[in-house]
PDB file of N, CA and C in Angstrom:
ATOM      1  N   MET A   1       1.123  -0.970  -0.206  1.00  0.00           N
ATOM      2  CA  MET A   1       0.166  -0.350   0.091  1.00  0.00           C
ATOM      3  C   MET A   1       0.657   1.108  -0.198  1.00  0.00           C
ATOM      4  N   SER A   2       1.793   0.978  -0.011  1.00  0.00           N
ATOM      5  CA  SER A   2       2.937   2.157   0.183  1.00  0.00           C
ATOM      6  C   SER A   2       3.377   2.748  -0.890  1.00  0.00           C
ATOM      7  N   VAL A   3       3.303   1.734  -1.934  1.00  0.00           N
ATOM      8  CA  VAL A   3       3.440   2.557  -3.264  1.00  0.00           C
ATOM      9  C   VAL A   3       2.587   2.790  -3.961  1.00  0.00           C
ATOM     10  N   LEU A   4       1.373   2.569  -3.402  1.00  0.00           N
ATOM     11  CA  LEU A   4       0.401   3.422  -4.025  1.00  0.00           C
ATOM     12  C   LEU A   4       0.319   4.924  -3.780  1.00  0.00           C
ATOM     13  N   ASN A   5       0.622   5.448  -2.279  1.00  0.00           N
ATOM     14  CA  ASN A   5       0.315   6.054  -1.080  1.00  0.00           C
ATOM     15  C   ASN A   5       1.416   7.043  -1.785  1.00  0.00           C
ATOM     16  N   ASP A   6       2.219   6.812  -2.087  1.00  0.00           N
ATOM     17  CA  ASP A   6       3.659   7.603  -2.523  1.00  0.00           C
ATOM     18  C   ASP A   6       3.334   7.766  -3.873  1.00  0.00           C
ATOM     19  N   GLU A   7       2.604   7.015  -4.940  1.00  0.00           N
ATOM     20  CA  GLU A   7       2.362   7.719  -6.146  1.00  0.00           C
ATOM     21  C   GLU A   7       1.300   8.791  -6.152  1.00  0.00           C
ATOM     22  N   LYS A   8       0.186   8.650  -5.648  1.00  0.00           N
ATOM     23  CA  LYS A   8      -0.856   9.547  -5.505  1.00  0.00           C
ATOM     24  C   LYS A   8      -0.016  11.006  -4.629  1.00  0.00           C
ATOM     25  N   LEU A   9       0.807  10.914  -3.347  1.00  0.00           N
ATOM     26  CA  LEU A   9       1.455  12.322  -3.656  1.00  0.00           C
ATOM     27  C   LEU A   9       2.521  12.726  -4.717  1.00  0.00           C
ATOM     28  N   MET A  10       3.439  11.806  -4.977  1.00  0.00           N
ATOM     29  CA  MET A  10       4.074  12.015  -6.380  1.00  0.00           C
ATOM     30  C   MET A  10       3.119  12.707  -7.574  1.00  0.00           C
ATOM     31  N   ARG A  11       1.681  12.242  -7.707  1.00  0.00           N
ATOM     32  CA  ARG A  11       0.732  13.028  -8.913  1.00  0.00           C
ATOM     33  C   ARG A  11       0.525  14.026  -8.566  1.00  0.00           C
ATOM     34  N   ALA A  12       0.071  14.001  -7.253  1.00  0.00           N
ATOM     35  CA  ALA A  12      -0.573  15.699  -6.512  1.00  0.00           C
ATOM     36  C   ALA A  12       0.776  16.943  -6.661  1.00  0.00           C
ATOM     37  N   GLU A  13       1.774  16.200  -6.186  1.00  0.00           N
ATOM     38  CA  GLU A  13       3.279  17.556  -6.551  1.00  0.00           C
ATOM     39  C   GLU A  13       3.407  18.023  -8.093  1.00  0.00           C
ATOM     40  N   LEU A  14       3.490  16.739  -8.948  1.00  0.00           N
ATOM     41  CA  LEU A  14       3.891  17.293 -10.390  1.00  0.00           C
ATOM     42  C   LEU A  14       2.265  18.103 -10.702  1.00  0.00           C
ATOM     43  N   ALA A  15       1.401  18.063 -10.446  1.00  0.00           N
ATOM     44  CA  ALA A  15      -0.094  18.903 -11.246  1.00  0.00           C
ATOM     45  C   ALA A  15      -0.052  20.033 -10.514  1.00  0.00           C
ATOM     46  N   ASP A  16       1.156  19.978  -9.521  1.00  0.00           N
ATOM     47  CA  ASP A  16       0.571  21.869  -8.756  1.00  0.00           C
ATOM     48  C   ASP A  16       1.792  22.277  -8.995  1.00  0.00           C
ATOM     49  N   LYS A  17       2.257  22.671 -10.261  1.00  0.00           N
ATOM     50  CA  LYS A  17       3.620  23.083 -10.631  1.00  0.00           C
ATOM     51  C   LYS A  17       3.616  24.532 -10.836  1.00  0.00           C
ATOM     52  N   LYS A  18       4.827  25.249 -10.789  1.00  0.00           N
ATOM     53  CA  LYS A  18       5.070  26.397 -10.067  1.00  0.00           C
ATOM     54  C   LYS A  18       5.358  26.770 -11.571  1.00  0.00           C
ATOM     55  N   LEU A  19       5.433  28.052 -12.052  1.00  0.00           N
ATOM     56  CA  LEU A  19       5.491  28.649 -12.933  1.00  0.00           C
ATOM     57  C   LEU A  19       7.213  29.673 -12.607  1.00  0.00           C
ATOM     58  N   LEU A  20       7.948  29.869 -13.623  1.00  0.00           N
ATOM     59  CA  LEU A  20       8.848  30.207 -13.731  1.00  0.00           C
ATOM     60  C   LEU A  20       9.100  31.722 -12.664  1.00  0.00           C
ATOM     61  N   GLU A  21       9.771  32.457 -11.785  1.00  0.00           N
ATOM     62  CA  GLU A  21       9.834  33.023 -10.835  1.00  0.00           C
ATOM     63  C   GLU A  21      10.874  33.837 -11.225  1.00  0.00           C
ATOM     64  N   MET A  22      11.500  34.836 -11.602  1.00  0.00           N
ATOM     65  CA  MET A  22      12.392  35.564 -11.691  1.00  0.00           C
ATOM     66  C   MET A  22      12.946  36.759 -10.901  1.00  0.00           C
ATOM     67  N   THR A  23      14.050  37.099 -10.471  1.00  0.00           N
ATOM     68  CA  THR A  23      14.427  38.444  -9.601  1.00  0.00           C
ATOM     69  C   THR A  23      15.027  39.427 -10.557  1.00  0.00           C
ATOM     70  N   SER A  24      15.439  40.470 -10.573  1.00  0.00           N
ATOM     71  CA  SER A  24      16.066  41.059 -11.462  1.00  0.00           C
ATOM     72  C   SER A  24      17.211  40.670 -11.348  1.00  0.00           C
ATOM     73  N   GLY A  25      17.695  39.841 -10.294  1.00  0.00           N
ATOM     74  CA  GLY A  25      19.241  39.222 -10.459  1.00  0.00           C
ATOM     75  C   GLY A  25      19.188  38.154 -11.532  1.00  0.00           C
ATOM     76  N   ASP A  26      18.065  37.833 -11.176  1.00  0.00           N
ATOM     77  CA  ASP A  26      17.629  36.331 -12.451  1.00  0.00           C
ATOM     78  C   ASP A  26      18.510  36.905 -13.536  1.00  0.00           C
ATOM     79  N   TRP A  27      17.105  38.032 -14.477  1.00  0.00           N
ATOM     80  CA  TRP A  27      16.977  38.312 -15.126  1.00  0.00           C
ATOM     81  C   TRP A  27      18.343  38.844 -15.811  1.00  0.00           C
ATOM     82  N   ARG A  28      19.534  39.400 -15.207  1.00  0.00           N
ATOM     83  CA  ARG A  28      20.660  39.721 -15.331  1.00  0.00           C
ATOM     84  C   ARG A  28      21.367  38.664 -15.715  1.00  0.00           C
ATOM     85  N   GLN A  29      21.401  37.650 -15.023  1.00  0.00           N
ATOM     86  CA  GLN A  29      21.958  36.394 -15.353  1.00  0.00           C
ATOM     87  C   GLN A  29      21.406  35.438 -16.602  1.00  0.00           C
ATOM     88  N   TYR A  30      20.397  35.762 -16.826  1.00  0.00           N
ATOM     89  CA  TYR A  30      19.668  34.926 -18.117  1.00  0.00           C
ATOM     90  C   TYR A  30      19.812  35.850 -19.359  1.00  0.00           C
ATOM     91  N   ASN A  31      20.032  36.994 -19.540  1.00  0.00           N
ATOM     92  CA  ASN A  31      20.754  38.184 -20.563  1.00  0.00           C
ATOM     93  C   ASN A  31      21.913  38.408 -20.763  1.00  0.00           C
ATOM     94  N   SER A  32      22.713  37.923 -19.771  1.00  0.00           N
ATOM     95  CA  SER A  32      24.174  37.623 -19.813  1.00  0.00           C
ATOM     96  C   SER A  32      24.802  35.713 -20.239  1.00  0.00           C
ATOM     97  N   ALA A  33      23.447  34.903 -19.889  1.00  0.00           N
ATOM     98  CA  ALA A  33      24.582  33.769 -20.071  1.00  0.00           C
ATOM     99  C   ALA A  33      25.310  33.647 -21.200  1.00  0.00           C
ATOM    100  N   MET A  34      26.483  32.614 -20.657  1.00  0.00           N
ATOM    101  CA  MET A  34      27.085  32.378 -22.106  1.00  0.00           C
ATOM    102  C   MET A  34      27.259  30.754 -21.652  1.00  0.00           C
ATOM    103  N   GLU A  35      27.411  30.664 -20.830  1.00  0.00           N
ATOM    104  CA  GLU A  35      27.596  28.784 -20.899  1.00  0.00           C
ATOM    105  C   GLU A  35      26.651  28.196 -20.651  1.00  0.00           C
ATOM    106  N   CYS A  36      25.976  26.870 -20.579  1.00  0.00           N
ATOM    107  CA  CYS A  36      24.900  26.158 -20.154  1.00  0.00           C
ATOM    108  C   CYS A  36      25.541  25.509 -18.593  1.00  0.00           C
ATOM    109  N   HIS A  37      24.280  26.236 -18.477  1.00  0.00           N
ATOM    110  CA  HIS A  37      24.621  25.753 -16.494  1.00  0.00           C
ATOM    111  C   HIS A  37      24.792  24.277 -15.657  1.00  0.00           C
ATOM    112  N   ILE A  38      24.287  23.502 -17.058  1.00  0.00           N
ATOM    113  CA  ILE A  38      24.847  21.763 -16.772  1.00  0.00           C
ATOM    114  C   ILE A  38      25.983  21.383 -17.263  1.00  0.00           C
ATOM    115  N   CYS A  39      26.064  21.600 -18.796  1.00  0.00           N
ATOM    116  CA  CYS A  39      27.563  21.181 -19.416  1.00  0.00           C
ATOM    117  C   CYS A  39      28.513  21.914 -19.398  1.00  0.00           C
ATOM    118  N   ASN A  40      28.528  23.451 -18.974  1.00  0.00           N
ATOM    119  CA  ASN A  40      29.478  24.518 -19.020  1.00  0.00           C
ATOM    120  C   ASN A  40      29.754  24.547 -20.425  1.00  0.00           C
ATOM    121  N   GLU A  41      29.324  23.858 -21.953  1.00  0.00           N
ATOM    122  CA  GLU A  41      30.039  24.714 -22.906  1.00  0.00           C
ATOM    123  C   GLU A  41      28.993  25.577 -22.775  1.00  0.00           C
ATOM    124  N   SER A  42      29.775  26.313 -24.859  1.00  0.00           N
ATOM    125  CA  SER A  42      29.069  27.590 -25.078  1.00  0.00           C
ATOM    126  C   SER A  42      27.625  27.575 -25.175  1.00  0.00           C
ATOM    127  N   LEU A  43      26.500  28.587 -25.101  1.00  0.00           N
ATOM    128  CA  LEU A  43      25.474  28.661 -25.653  1.00  0.00           C
ATOM    129  C   LEU A  43      25.276  29.178 -26.680  1.00  0.00           C
ATOM    130  N   LEU A  44      26.668  29.737 -27.390  1.00  0.00           N
ATOM    131  CA  LEU A  44      25.889  30.731 -28.396  1.00  0.00           C
ATOM    132  C   LEU A  44      26.348  30.013 -29.952  1.00  0.00           C
ATOM    133  N   LYS A  45      25.441  29.949 -31.034  1.00  0.00           N
ATOM    134  CA  LYS A  45      26.061  28.436 -31.639  1.00  0.00           C
ATOM    135  C   LYS A  45      25.472  30.294 -33.468  1.00  0.00           C
ATOM    136  N   PRO A  46      25.984  29.589 -34.057  1.00  0.00           N
ATOM    137  CA  PRO A  46      25.991  30.835 -35.039  1.00  0.00           C
ATOM    138  C   PRO A  46      24.949  31.027 -35.643  1.00  0.00           C
ATOM    139  N   GLU A  47      24.750  32.371 -35.350  1.00  0.00           N
ATOM    140  CA  GLU A  47      23.459  33.002 -35.504  1.00  0.00           C
ATOM    141  C   GLU A  47      22.017  33.182 -34.890  1.00  0.00           C
ATOM    142  N   PHE A  48      22.423  32.409 -33.779  1.00  0.00           N
ATOM    143  CA  PHE A  48      21.425  32.025 -32.849  1.00  0.00           C
ATOM    144  C   PHE A  48      21.884  31.274 -31.001  1.00  0.00           C
ATOM    145  N   ARG A  49      21.068  31.892 -30.664  1.00  0.00           N
ATOM    146  CA  ARG A  49      20.903  31.630 -29.245  1.00  0.00           C
ATOM    147  C   ARG A  49      20.878  29.853 -28.881  1.00  0.00           C
ATOM    148  N   ASP A  50      20.858  28.702 -28.588  1.00  0.00           N
ATOM    149  CA  ASP A  50      20.602  27.605 -28.402  1.00  0.00           C
ATOM    150  C   ASP A  50      20.524  27.003 -27.190  1.00  0.00           C
ATOM    151  N   SER A  51      19.247  28.155 -26.569  1.00  0.00           N
ATOM    152  CA  SER A  51      19.253  27.403 -24.466  1.00  0.00           C
ATOM    153  C   SER A  51      17.639  28.286 -24.263  1.00  0.00           C
ATOM    154  N   PHE A  52      17.796  27.888 -22.785  1.00  0.00           N
ATOM    155  CA  PHE A  52      16.279  28.283 -22.795  1.00  0.00           C
ATOM    156  C   PHE A  52      16.430  28.349 -21.474  1.00  0.00           C
ATOM    157  N   ALA A  53      15.207  28.906 -19.963  1.00  0.00           N
ATOM    158  CA  ALA A  53      15.293  29.407 -18.915  1.00  0.00           C
ATOM    159  C   ALA A  53      15.790  27.959 -18.132  1.00  0.00           C
ATOM    160  N   VAL A  54      16.178  27.117 -17.235  1.00  0.00           N
ATOM    161  CA  VAL A  54      15.494  26.428 -16.606  1.00  0.00           C
ATOM    162  C   VAL A  54      15.062  26.306 -14.848  1.00  0.00           C
ATOM    163  N   HIS A  55      13.715  26.386 -14.624  1.00  0.00           N
ATOM    164  CA  HIS A  55      13.349  25.968 -13.555  1.00  0.00           C
ATOM    165  C   HIS A  55      13.029  25.166 -12.857  1.00  0.00           C
ATOM    166  N   ASP A  56      12.709  25.205 -11.039  1.00  0.00           N
ATOM    167  CA  ASP A  56      12.067  23.868 -10.513  1.00  0.00           C
ATOM    168  C   ASP A  56      10.898  24.157 -10.147  1.00  0.00           C
ATOM    169  N   PRO A  57       9.920  23.131 -10.682  1.00  0.00           N
ATOM    170  CA  PRO A  57       9.037  23.214 -11.274  1.00  0.00           C
ATOM    171  C   PRO A  57       8.190  23.701  -9.786  1.00  0.00           C
ATOM    172  N   ASN A  58       8.973  22.882  -8.708  1.00  0.00           N
ATOM    173  CA  ASN A  58       8.573  22.671  -7.588  1.00  0.00           C
ATOM    174  C   ASN A  58       8.179  24.095  -6.790  1.00  0.00           C
ATOM    175  N   THR A  59       8.973  25.003  -6.927  1.00  0.00           N
ATOM    176  CA  THR A  59       9.253  26.318  -6.148  1.00  0.00           C
ATOM    177  C   THR A  59       9.321  27.414  -7.340  1.00  0.00           C
ATOM    178  N   GLY A  60       9.462  27.240  -8.761  1.00  0.00           N
ATOM    179  CA  GLY A  60       9.775  28.706  -9.256  1.00  0.00           C
ATOM    180  C   GLY A  60      10.844  29.199  -9.406  1.00  0.00           C
ATOM    181  N   GLU A  61      11.458  28.834  -8.639  1.00  0.00           N
ATOM    182  CA  GLU A  61      13.190  29.173  -8.490  1.00  0.00           C
ATOM    183  C   GLU A  61      14.083  28.783 -10.088  1.00  0.00           C
ATOM    184  N   TYR A  62      14.688  30.300 -10.531  1.00  0.00           N
ATOM    185  CA  TYR A  62      15.258  30.268 -11.936  1.00  0.00           C
ATOM    186  C   TYR A  62      16.710  29.414 -11.415  1.00  0.00           C
ATOM    187  N   TYR A  63      17.040  28.504 -12.313  1.00  0.00           N
ATOM    188  CA  TYR A  63      18.723  27.906 -11.729  1.00  0.00           C
ATOM    189  C   TYR A  63      19.345  28.296 -13.325  1.00  0.00           C
ATOM    190  N   GLY A  64      19.401  28.852 -14.138  1.00  0.00           N
ATOM    191  CA  GLY A  64      20.273  29.198 -15.275  1.00  0.00           C
ATOM    192  C   GLY A  64      19.380  29.100 -16.569  1.00  0.00           C
ATOM    193  N   GLN A  65      20.623  29.057 -17.570  1.00  0.00           N
ATOM    194  CA  GLN A  65      20.369  28.723 -18.922  1.00  0.00           C
ATOM    195  C   GLN A  65      21.161  27.102 -19.086  1.00  0.00           C
ATOM    196  N   SER A  66      20.341  26.666 -20.010  1.00  0.00           N
ATOM    197  CA  SER A  66      20.573  25.437 -20.134  1.00  0.00           C
ATOM    198  C   SER A  66      20.274  25.098 -22.400  1.00  0.00           C
ATOM    199  N   HIS A  67      21.288  24.372 -23.006  1.00  0.00           N
ATOM    200  CA  HIS A  67      20.560  23.649 -23.740  1.00  0.00           C
ATOM    201  C   HIS A  67      19.589  22.966 -23.476  1.00  0.00           C
ATOM    202  N   LYS A  68      18.829  22.745 -24.837  1.00  0.00           N
ATOM    203  CA  LYS A  68      17.537  21.701 -25.135  1.00  0.00           C
ATOM    204  C   LYS A  68      17.891  20.073 -24.312  1.00  0.00           C
ATOM    205  N   ARG A  69      19.167  19.772 -25.827  1.00  0.00           N
ATOM    206  CA  ARG A  69      19.929  19.124 -25.051  1.00  0.00           C
ATOM    207  C   ARG A  69      20.081  18.404 -23.967  1.00  0.00           C
ATOM    208  N   CYS A  70      20.934  19.047 -23.205  1.00  0.00           N
ATOM    209  CA  CYS A  70      21.072  18.768 -21.686  1.00  0.00           C
ATOM    210  C   CYS A  70      20.090  18.511 -20.575  1.00  0.00           C
ATOM    211  N   TYR A  71      19.020  19.401 -20.955  1.00  0.00           N
ATOM    212  CA  TYR A  71      18.332  19.407 -19.871  1.00  0.00           C
ATOM    213  C   TYR A  71      17.167  18.217 -19.670  1.00  0.00           C
ATOM    214  N   TYR A  72      16.868  18.209 -21.341  1.00  0.00           N
ATOM    215  CA  TYR A  72      16.505  16.391 -21.735  1.00  0.00           C
ATOM    216  C   TYR A  72      16.835  14.955 -21.789  1.00  0.00           C
TER     217      TYR A  72
END
């Protein structure tokens, strides 16, 4: 029964995702990010930027910029 209860709790937590909440410091970090916060490689590609903002879905806290391939 414990597994079923754990599943119910996890599903409830996942259903209550928080939106990204960024402070002014987070915005400065977002706009100046040059490296992926996961792999530390360059986010800059010829003619575009290959990144998106990563955040904690439970708290909405901003973590940094990441390549899509690194995040997934």
